[in-house]
Amino acid sequence: MNSHKLLVSTLVLGLGLLAGGCSAEKPVKPVSFQKDVQPLLKAACAECHTAPNTEGYQKSGLAVTTYEELMKGTKLGPVIVPGQSLNSSLNRLAEGRPGVDPSIQMPHGKVKLPEAQLALLRQWVDQGAKNN
């Protein structure tokens, strides 16, 4: 009986080690502001959020043409909390999360961004919203 328990224990331990060593998760590639995020913002947001004469800028104070402007945020404060996409207004508004007034979902009056672009913004913010 002892040899049977030892064999079972060894098999369980071996399977546990195999499962732990075969992670299905891929390493997350760093998202670049210059290469990934800025072109997305330029295409989807800059039409309305460029200082000083666009409607979105005049209403909110948010400009997205530079990293510094984006991180400054709106008249009410920052729209990005580095490392926290769940708490960042930029992500909440772009994703149209529950509780977000549909009249202020971004891009305003246009089709919601594709999930791949929303995921890219989330990753960039969660990675610290760096100017890289």
C-alpha atoms as a PDB file:
ATOM      1  CA  MET A   1       0.000   0.000   0.000  1.00  0.00           C
ATOM      2  CA  ASN A   2       2.832   2.395   0.772  1.00  0.00           C
ATOM      3  CA  SER A   3       4.367   1.920  -2.663  1.00  0.00           C
ATOM      4  CA  HIS A   4       0.957   2.675  -4.225  1.00  0.00           C
ATOM      5  CA  LYS A   5       0.668   5.942  -2.224  1.00  0.00           C
ATOM      6  CA  LEU A   6       4.201   6.870  -3.200  1.00  0.00           C
ATOM      7  CA  LEU A   7       3.480   6.212  -6.866  1.00  0.00           C
ATOM      8  CA  VAL A   8       0.270   8.287  -6.770  1.00  0.00           C
ATOM      9  CA  SER A   9       2.037  11.118  -4.934  1.00  0.00           C
ATOM     10  CA  THR A  10       4.851  11.088  -7.464  1.00  0.00           C
ATOM     11  CA  LEU A  11       2.400  11.179 -10.374  1.00  0.00           C
ATOM     12  CA  VAL A  12       0.412  14.056  -8.837  1.00  0.00           C
ATOM     13  CA  LEU A  13       3.603  15.994  -8.141  1.00  0.00           C
ATOM     14  CA  GLY A  14       4.892  15.359 -11.662  1.00  0.00           C
ATOM     15  CA  LEU A  15       1.619  16.465 -13.252  1.00  0.00           C
ATOM     16  CA  GLY A  16       1.609  19.588 -11.105  1.00  0.00           C
ATOM     17  CA  LEU A  17       5.119  20.471 -12.206  1.00  0.00           C
ATOM     18  CA  LEU A  18       4.231  19.880 -15.842  1.00  0.00           C
ATOM     19  CA  ALA A  19       1.126  22.043 -15.608  1.00  0.00           C
ATOM     20  CA  GLY A  20       3.062  24.827 -13.908  1.00  0.00           C
ATOM     21  CA  GLY A  21       5.809  24.732 -16.494  1.00  0.00           C
ATOM     22  CA  CYS A  22       3.451  24.885 -19.491  1.00  0.00           C
ATOM     23  CA  SER A  23       1.896  28.279 -19.097  1.00  0.00           C
ATOM     24  CA  ALA A  24      -0.539  29.234 -21.853  1.00  0.00           C
ATOM     25  CA  GLU A  25       0.065  32.948 -21.259  1.00  0.00           C
ATOM     26  CA  LYS A  26       2.407  34.716 -23.637  1.00  0.00           C
ATOM     27  CA  PRO A  27       4.671  37.447 -22.309  1.00  0.00           C
ATOM     28  CA  VAL A  28       3.027  40.827 -22.764  1.00  0.00           C
ATOM     29  CA  LYS A  29       4.873  42.964 -25.295  1.00  0.00           C
ATOM     30  CA  PRO A  30       5.501  46.536 -24.113  1.00  0.00           C
ATOM     31  CA  VAL A  31       3.180  48.992 -25.831  1.00  0.00           C
ATOM     32  CA  SER A  32       4.933  52.062 -27.259  1.00  0.00           C
ATOM     33  CA  PHE A  33       3.309  55.477 -27.010  1.00  0.00           C
ATOM     34  CA  GLN A  34       5.049  56.765 -30.157  1.00  0.00           C
ATOM     35  CA  LYS A  35       4.553  53.644 -32.305  1.00  0.00           C
ATOM     36  CA  ASP A  36       1.225  52.287 -31.044  1.00  0.00           C
ATOM     37  CA  VAL A  37      -0.816  54.762 -29.007  1.00  0.00           C
ATOM     38  CA  GLN A  38      -0.084  58.131 -30.618  1.00  0.00           C
ATOM     39  CA  PRO A  39      -1.072  56.977 -34.153  1.00  0.00           C
ATOM     40  CA  LEU A  40      -4.293  55.523 -32.724  1.00  0.00           C
ATOM     41  CA  LEU A  41      -5.116  58.786 -30.931  1.00  0.00           C
ATOM     42  CA  LYS A  42      -4.257  60.805 -34.013  1.00  0.00           C
ATOM     43  CA  ALA A  43      -6.609  58.728 -36.174  1.00  0.00           C
ATOM     44  CA  ALA A  44      -9.485  58.437 -33.698  1.00  0.00           C
ATOM     45  CA  CYS A  45      -9.307  61.491 -31.420  1.00  0.00           C
ATOM     46  CA  ALA A  46      -7.226  64.371 -32.796  1.00  0.00           C
ATOM     47  CA  GLU A  47      -9.980  65.583 -35.126  1.00  0.00           C
ATOM     48  CA  CYS A  48     -11.834  66.873 -32.054  1.00  0.00           C
ATOM     49  CA  HIS A  49      -9.096  67.034 -29.392  1.00  0.00           C
ATOM     50  CA  THR A  50      -6.402  69.320 -30.800  1.00  0.00           C
ATOM     51  CA  ALA A  51      -5.681  72.636 -29.068  1.00  0.00           C
ATOM     52  CA  PRO A  52      -6.931  75.334 -29.295  1.00  0.00           C
ATOM     53  CA  ASN A  53      -9.759  75.440 -31.842  1.00  0.00           C
ATOM     54  CA  THR A  54     -11.451  72.033 -31.960  1.00  0.00           C
ATOM     55  CA  GLU A  55     -14.817  71.376 -30.327  1.00  0.00           C
ATOM     56  CA  GLY A  56     -13.632  68.548 -28.074  1.00  0.00           C
ATOM     57  CA  TYR A  57     -10.743  70.637 -26.805  1.00  0.00           C
ATOM     58  CA  GLN A  58     -12.918  73.688 -26.177  1.00  0.00           C
ATOM     59  CA  LYS A  59     -15.486  71.649 -24.223  1.00  0.00           C
ATOM     60  CA  SER A  60     -13.124  69.448 -22.203  1.00  0.00           C
ATOM     61  CA  GLY A  61      -9.673  70.975 -22.362  1.00  0.00           C
ATOM     62  CA  LEU A  62      -8.265  67.636 -23.562  1.00  0.00           C
ATOM     63  CA  ALA A  63      -5.711  67.680 -26.370  1.00  0.00           C
ATOM     64  CA  VAL A  64      -4.133  64.457 -27.605  1.00  0.00           C
ATOM     65  CA  THR A  65      -1.457  65.632 -30.027  1.00  0.00           C
ATOM     66  CA  THR A  66       1.426  65.125 -27.572  1.00  0.00           C
ATOM     67  CA  TYR A  67       2.133  62.850 -24.638  1.00  0.00           C
ATOM     68  CA  GLU A  68       2.313  65.850 -22.309  1.00  0.00           C
ATOM     69  CA  GLU A  69      -1.098  67.168 -23.410  1.00  0.00           C
ATOM     70  CA  LEU A  70      -2.699  63.753 -23.020  1.00  0.00           C
ATOM     71  CA  MET A  71      -1.259  63.247 -19.543  1.00  0.00           C
ATOM     72  CA  LYS A  72      -2.370  66.740 -18.500  1.00  0.00           C
ATOM     73  CA  GLY A  73      -5.934  65.642 -19.076  1.00  0.00           C
ATOM     74  CA  THR A  74      -9.042  67.798 -19.099  1.00  0.00           C
ATOM     75  CA  LYS A  75     -10.252  70.894 -17.284  1.00  0.00           C
ATOM     76  CA  LEU A  76     -11.386  68.490 -14.558  1.00  0.00           C
ATOM     77  CA  GLY A  77      -8.068  66.673 -14.215  1.00  0.00           C
ATOM     78  CA  PRO A  78      -6.137  63.684 -15.581  1.00  0.00           C
ATOM     79  CA  VAL A  79      -7.839  61.149 -17.865  1.00  0.00           C
ATOM     80  CA  ILE A  80      -5.149  58.521 -17.303  1.00  0.00           C
ATOM     81  CA  VAL A  81      -4.126  56.850 -14.066  1.00  0.00           C
ATOM     82  CA  PRO A  82      -0.844  55.106 -14.984  1.00  0.00           C
ATOM     83  CA  GLY A  83      -1.070  51.410 -14.231  1.00  0.00           C
ATOM     84  CA  GLN A  84      -4.858  51.527 -13.794  1.00  0.00           C
ATOM     85  CA  SER A  85      -6.907  51.262 -16.969  1.00  0.00           C
ATOM     86  CA  LEU A  86      -9.986  50.389 -14.898  1.00  0.00           C
ATOM     87  CA  ASN A  87      -9.774  53.805 -13.229  1.00  0.00           C
ATOM     88  CA  SER A  88      -8.734  55.838 -16.276  1.00  0.00           C
ATOM     89  CA  SER A  89     -11.407  58.030 -17.863  1.00  0.00           C
ATOM     90  CA  LEU A  90      -9.792  57.616 -21.275  1.00  0.00           C
ATOM     91  CA  ASN A  91     -10.404  53.856 -21.140  1.00  0.00           C
ATOM     92  CA  ARG A  92     -13.883  54.128 -19.628  1.00  0.00           C
ATOM     93  CA  LEU A  93     -15.052  56.609 -22.268  1.00  0.00           C
ATOM     94  CA  ALA A  94     -13.455  54.824 -25.219  1.00  0.00           C
ATOM     95  CA  GLU A  95     -14.821  51.441 -24.106  1.00  0.00           C
ATOM     96  CA  GLY A  96     -18.295  52.792 -23.312  1.00  0.00           C
ATOM     97  CA  ARG A  97     -18.332  50.900 -20.032  1.00  0.00           C
ATOM     98  CA  PRO A  98     -21.558  50.516 -18.074  1.00  0.00           C
ATOM     99  CA  GLY A  99     -22.326  53.739 -16.257  1.00  0.00           C
ATOM    100  CA  VAL A 100     -20.761  55.933 -18.960  1.00  0.00           C
ATOM    101  CA  ASP A 101     -23.267  58.341 -20.452  1.00  0.00           C
ATOM    102  CA  PRO A 102     -23.588  57.298 -24.126  1.00  0.00           C
ATOM    103  CA  SER A 103     -23.605  60.974 -25.123  1.00  0.00           C
ATOM    104  CA  ILE A 104     -19.973  61.298 -24.025  1.00  0.00           C
ATOM    105  CA  GLN A 105     -18.657  57.933 -25.259  1.00  0.00           C
ATOM    106  CA  MET A 106     -15.579  58.461 -27.415  1.00  0.00           C
ATOM    107  CA  PRO A 107     -14.988  58.897 -30.222  1.00  0.00           C
ATOM    108  CA  HIS A 108     -18.046  61.135 -29.980  1.00  0.00           C
ATOM    109  CA  GLY A 109     -20.703  60.449 -32.588  1.00  0.00           C
ATOM    110  CA  LYS A 110     -18.600  57.805 -34.312  1.00  0.00           C
ATOM    111  CA  VAL A 111     -18.233  54.033 -34.309  1.00  0.00           C
ATOM    112  CA  LYS A 112     -16.635  52.591 -31.188  1.00  0.00           C
ATOM    113  CA  LEU A 113     -12.960  51.677 -31.574  1.00  0.00           C
ATOM    114  CA  PRO A 114     -12.270  48.027 -32.458  1.00  0.00           C
ATOM    115  CA  GLU A 115     -11.546  45.741 -29.499  1.00  0.00           C
ATOM    116  CA  ALA A 116      -7.899  45.337 -30.586  1.00  0.00           C
ATOM    117  CA  GLN A 117      -7.357  49.106 -30.279  1.00  0.00           C
ATOM    118  CA  LEU A 118      -9.188  49.264 -26.942  1.00  0.00           C
ATOM    119  CA  ALA A 119      -7.002  46.409 -25.677  1.00  0.00           C
ATOM    120  CA  LEU A 120      -3.890  48.268 -26.842  1.00  0.00           C
ATOM    121  CA  LEU A 121      -4.935  51.378 -24.885  1.00  0.00           C
ATOM    122  CA  ARG A 122      -5.660  49.248 -21.797  1.00  0.00           C
ATOM    123  CA  GLN A 123      -2.274  47.539 -22.025  1.00  0.00           C
ATOM    124  CA  TRP A 124      -0.444  50.843 -22.453  1.00  0.00           C
ATOM    125  CA  VAL A 125      -2.155  52.354 -19.402  1.00  0.00           C
ATOM    126  CA  ASP A 126      -1.716  49.164 -17.354  1.00  0.00           C
ATOM    127  CA  GLN A 127       1.993  49.140 -18.284  1.00  0.00           C
ATOM    128  CA  GLY A 128       2.348  52.587 -16.715  1.00  0.00           C
ATOM    129  CA  ALA A 129       1.314  54.920 -19.599  1.00  0.00           C
ATOM    130  CA  LYS A 130       4.959  55.621 -20.418  1.00  0.00           C
ATOM    131  CA  ASN A 131       6.282  58.091 -22.970  1.00  0.00           C
ATOM    132  CA  ASN A 132       8.169  55.400 -24.861  1.00  0.00           C
END
